[in-house]
Structures are given as structure tokens and as C-alpha cells.
N, C-alpha and C. Protein backbone atom coordinates (compact mmCIF):
# COMPACT_ATOMS: atom_id res chain seq x y z
N MET A 1 -8.56 0.15 -7.19
CA MET A 1 -7.25 0.71 -7.47
C MET A 1 -6.25 0.07 -6.51
N ASP A 2 -5.14 -0.43 -7.03
CA ASP A 2 -4.17 -1.07 -6.15
C ASP A 2 -3.34 -0.01 -5.41
N PRO A 3 -2.64 -0.38 -4.35
CA PRO A 3 -1.92 0.60 -3.52
C PRO A 3 -0.85 1.39 -4.29
N ILE A 4 -0.20 0.77 -5.25
CA ILE A 4 0.84 1.48 -6.01
C ILE A 4 0.20 2.56 -6.87
N GLU A 5 -0.89 2.24 -7.54
CA GLU A 5 -1.59 3.24 -8.35
C GLU A 5 -2.09 4.38 -7.48
N LYS A 6 -2.57 4.05 -6.30
CA LYS A 6 -3.08 5.07 -5.38
C LYS A 6 -1.94 6.00 -4.94
N ALA A 7 -0.79 5.42 -4.62
CA ALA A 7 0.36 6.23 -4.20
C ALA A 7 0.85 7.12 -5.34
N LEU A 8 0.90 6.59 -6.56
CA LEU A 8 1.33 7.38 -7.71
C LEU A 8 0.37 8.52 -8.00
N ALA A 9 -0.92 8.29 -7.78
CA ALA A 9 -1.92 9.33 -8.03
C ALA A 9 -1.76 10.50 -7.05
N ARG A 10 -1.21 10.25 -5.88
CA ARG A 10 -1.03 11.30 -4.88
C ARG A 10 0.22 12.16 -5.12
N LEU A 11 1.11 11.74 -6.03
CA LEU A 11 2.33 12.49 -6.28
C LEU A 11 2.04 13.77 -7.05
N THR A 12 2.84 14.80 -6.75
CA THR A 12 2.73 16.04 -7.52
C THR A 12 3.41 15.85 -8.87
N LEU A 13 3.20 16.78 -9.77
CA LEU A 13 3.85 16.70 -11.08
C LEU A 13 5.37 16.70 -10.96
N LYS A 14 5.89 17.50 -10.03
CA LYS A 14 7.34 17.56 -9.83
C LYS A 14 7.85 16.21 -9.32
N GLU A 15 7.15 15.61 -8.36
CA GLU A 15 7.56 14.31 -7.82
C GLU A 15 7.49 13.23 -8.90
N ARG A 16 6.48 13.29 -9.75
CA ARG A 16 6.37 12.31 -10.85
C ARG A 16 7.54 12.45 -11.81
N ALA A 17 7.95 13.69 -12.10
CA ALA A 17 9.08 13.92 -13.00
C ALA A 17 10.37 13.38 -12.40
N VAL A 18 10.56 13.60 -11.10
CA VAL A 18 11.75 13.07 -10.42
C VAL A 18 11.73 11.55 -10.44
N LEU A 19 10.60 10.96 -10.15
CA LEU A 19 10.46 9.50 -10.15
C LEU A 19 10.76 8.94 -11.54
N GLN A 20 10.21 9.57 -12.58
CA GLN A 20 10.44 9.11 -13.94
C GLN A 20 11.92 9.22 -14.30
N SER A 21 12.57 10.29 -13.90
CA SER A 21 13.99 10.48 -14.18
C SER A 21 14.83 9.39 -13.52
N ILE A 22 14.52 9.08 -12.26
CA ILE A 22 15.25 8.04 -11.54
C ILE A 22 15.03 6.68 -12.19
N LEU A 23 13.80 6.37 -12.54
CA LEU A 23 13.50 5.08 -13.18
C LEU A 23 14.22 4.95 -14.52
N GLU A 24 14.29 6.03 -15.29
CA GLU A 24 15.00 5.99 -16.57
C GLU A 24 16.49 5.74 -16.35
N ARG A 25 17.07 6.40 -15.35
CA ARG A 25 18.49 6.18 -15.07
C ARG A 25 18.75 4.75 -14.64
N ILE A 26 17.87 4.19 -13.82
CA ILE A 26 18.03 2.79 -13.39
C ILE A 26 17.91 1.88 -14.60
N ARG A 27 16.93 2.12 -15.44
CA ARG A 27 16.72 1.29 -16.63
C ARG A 27 17.93 1.31 -17.56
N LYS A 28 18.58 2.48 -17.69
CA LYS A 28 19.75 2.61 -18.55
C LYS A 28 21.02 2.07 -17.90
N GLY A 29 20.96 1.82 -16.59
CA GLY A 29 22.13 1.32 -15.88
C GLY A 29 23.02 2.42 -15.33
N ASP A 30 22.57 3.66 -15.38
CA ASP A 30 23.33 4.80 -14.86
C ASP A 30 23.00 4.97 -13.38
N LEU A 31 23.73 4.27 -12.53
CA LEU A 31 23.41 4.24 -11.10
C LEU A 31 24.26 5.20 -10.27
N ARG A 32 25.08 6.00 -10.94
CA ARG A 32 25.94 6.94 -10.21
C ARG A 32 25.11 8.03 -9.53
N ASN A 33 25.54 8.41 -8.35
CA ASN A 33 24.96 9.53 -7.60
C ASN A 33 23.47 9.38 -7.30
N LEU A 34 23.00 8.16 -7.18
CA LEU A 34 21.60 7.94 -6.81
C LEU A 34 21.46 7.59 -5.33
N GLY A 35 22.56 7.41 -4.62
CA GLY A 35 22.48 7.07 -3.21
C GLY A 35 21.89 5.69 -2.98
N ILE A 36 22.32 4.73 -3.77
CA ILE A 36 21.77 3.37 -3.71
C ILE A 36 22.28 2.65 -2.47
N LYS A 37 21.37 1.94 -1.81
CA LYS A 37 21.71 1.11 -0.65
C LYS A 37 21.27 -0.32 -0.93
N LYS A 38 22.10 -1.27 -0.55
CA LYS A 38 21.74 -2.69 -0.68
C LYS A 38 20.87 -3.06 0.51
N LEU A 39 19.80 -3.79 0.25
CA LEU A 39 18.93 -4.21 1.34
C LEU A 39 19.57 -5.37 2.09
N GLN A 40 19.33 -5.43 3.39
CA GLN A 40 19.92 -6.47 4.22
C GLN A 40 19.43 -7.85 3.81
N ALA A 41 20.30 -8.81 3.96
CA ALA A 41 20.00 -10.23 3.71
C ALA A 41 19.73 -10.55 2.24
N ARG A 42 19.95 -9.61 1.35
CA ARG A 42 19.76 -9.85 -0.09
C ARG A 42 20.95 -9.24 -0.82
N ASP A 43 21.55 -10.00 -1.70
CA ASP A 43 22.68 -9.48 -2.45
C ASP A 43 22.26 -8.83 -3.76
N ASP A 44 21.01 -8.99 -4.15
CA ASP A 44 20.58 -8.51 -5.45
C ASP A 44 19.47 -7.47 -5.41
N VAL A 45 19.06 -7.03 -4.21
CA VAL A 45 17.96 -6.07 -4.09
C VAL A 45 18.51 -4.77 -3.48
N PHE A 46 18.14 -3.65 -4.14
CA PHE A 46 18.66 -2.35 -3.76
C PHE A 46 17.53 -1.34 -3.62
N ARG A 47 17.85 -0.21 -2.95
CA ARG A 47 16.87 0.84 -2.73
C ARG A 47 17.48 2.18 -3.11
N VAL A 48 16.67 3.01 -3.75
CA VAL A 48 17.02 4.41 -4.02
C VAL A 48 16.02 5.24 -3.25
N ARG A 49 16.52 6.22 -2.52
CA ARG A 49 15.63 7.10 -1.75
C ARG A 49 15.77 8.52 -2.27
N LYS A 50 14.64 9.14 -2.53
CA LYS A 50 14.61 10.55 -2.94
C LYS A 50 13.48 11.20 -2.18
N GLY A 51 13.81 11.98 -1.18
CA GLY A 51 12.79 12.59 -0.33
C GLY A 51 12.03 11.51 0.41
N THR A 52 10.73 11.48 0.26
CA THR A 52 9.93 10.46 0.93
C THR A 52 9.67 9.25 0.03
N MET A 53 10.16 9.32 -1.21
CA MET A 53 9.94 8.22 -2.16
C MET A 53 11.04 7.17 -2.02
N ARG A 54 10.65 5.91 -2.17
CA ARG A 54 11.58 4.80 -2.17
C ARG A 54 11.34 3.97 -3.42
N ILE A 55 12.42 3.61 -4.10
CA ILE A 55 12.32 2.76 -5.29
C ILE A 55 13.15 1.51 -5.00
N ILE A 56 12.49 0.37 -5.03
CA ILE A 56 13.14 -0.90 -4.78
C ILE A 56 13.33 -1.60 -6.13
N PHE A 57 14.54 -2.11 -6.36
CA PHE A 57 14.79 -2.82 -7.60
C PHE A 57 15.80 -3.95 -7.37
N ARG A 58 15.84 -4.86 -8.34
CA ARG A 58 16.73 -6.02 -8.23
C ARG A 58 17.63 -6.06 -9.45
N ILE A 59 18.90 -6.37 -9.22
CA ILE A 59 19.86 -6.57 -10.31
C ILE A 59 20.20 -8.05 -10.33
N ALA A 60 19.82 -8.71 -11.42
CA ALA A 60 20.06 -10.15 -11.55
C ALA A 60 21.53 -10.40 -11.86
N LYS A 61 21.94 -11.65 -11.74
CA LYS A 61 23.33 -12.01 -12.04
C LYS A 61 23.68 -11.74 -13.49
N THR A 62 22.69 -11.71 -14.36
CA THR A 62 22.92 -11.40 -15.77
C THR A 62 23.00 -9.90 -16.01
N ARG A 63 22.97 -9.11 -14.93
CA ARG A 63 23.00 -7.64 -14.94
C ARG A 63 21.70 -7.03 -15.45
N ASP A 64 20.64 -7.84 -15.58
CA ASP A 64 19.33 -7.32 -15.93
C ASP A 64 18.74 -6.66 -14.69
N ILE A 65 18.04 -5.56 -14.87
CA ILE A 65 17.44 -4.82 -13.76
C ILE A 65 15.94 -5.02 -13.78
N PHE A 66 15.39 -5.38 -12.62
CA PHE A 66 13.95 -5.62 -12.48
C PHE A 66 13.38 -4.64 -11.47
N ILE A 67 12.35 -3.92 -11.90
CA ILE A 67 11.64 -3.00 -11.00
C ILE A 67 10.23 -3.53 -10.88
N PRO A 68 9.85 -3.98 -9.66
CA PRO A 68 8.50 -4.56 -9.51
C PRO A 68 7.40 -3.55 -9.76
């Protein structure tokens, strides 16, 4: 099991619902009120923090959003 799968397996149902909601909003481009921070030394990589969870994503110049 890779580390991401292991971390997701440890989340509670409530945390999974919050994570899914945030990912859906990012996918739709609704970035308001998510507390997004740009990562240092990168103009296209951002972070959303919710409690102890961190979601890292990239917005390409074409405005496409990539979540690793």
C-alpha cells in the first residue's frame, strides 16, 4: 500500500467527506474561501489546509488544475 492510500485509510468518514468536498470545489474551479496559499519558489503550486489535512495542487497556465 502506498503512503497516500495508507493516509486516506486512516481518515474518519467526516474527514473523507470534507476532503471530497474540497477536491470537488478545486476541480470545479471554485477556490473562494478555501484559504489557499501559494507555495514558495513556485508560481503555479498552491496548498489548501483544513485541520491537519493538506491538499497540494497546481494550476497550469491554461488554467487546468492538476492534483497529484
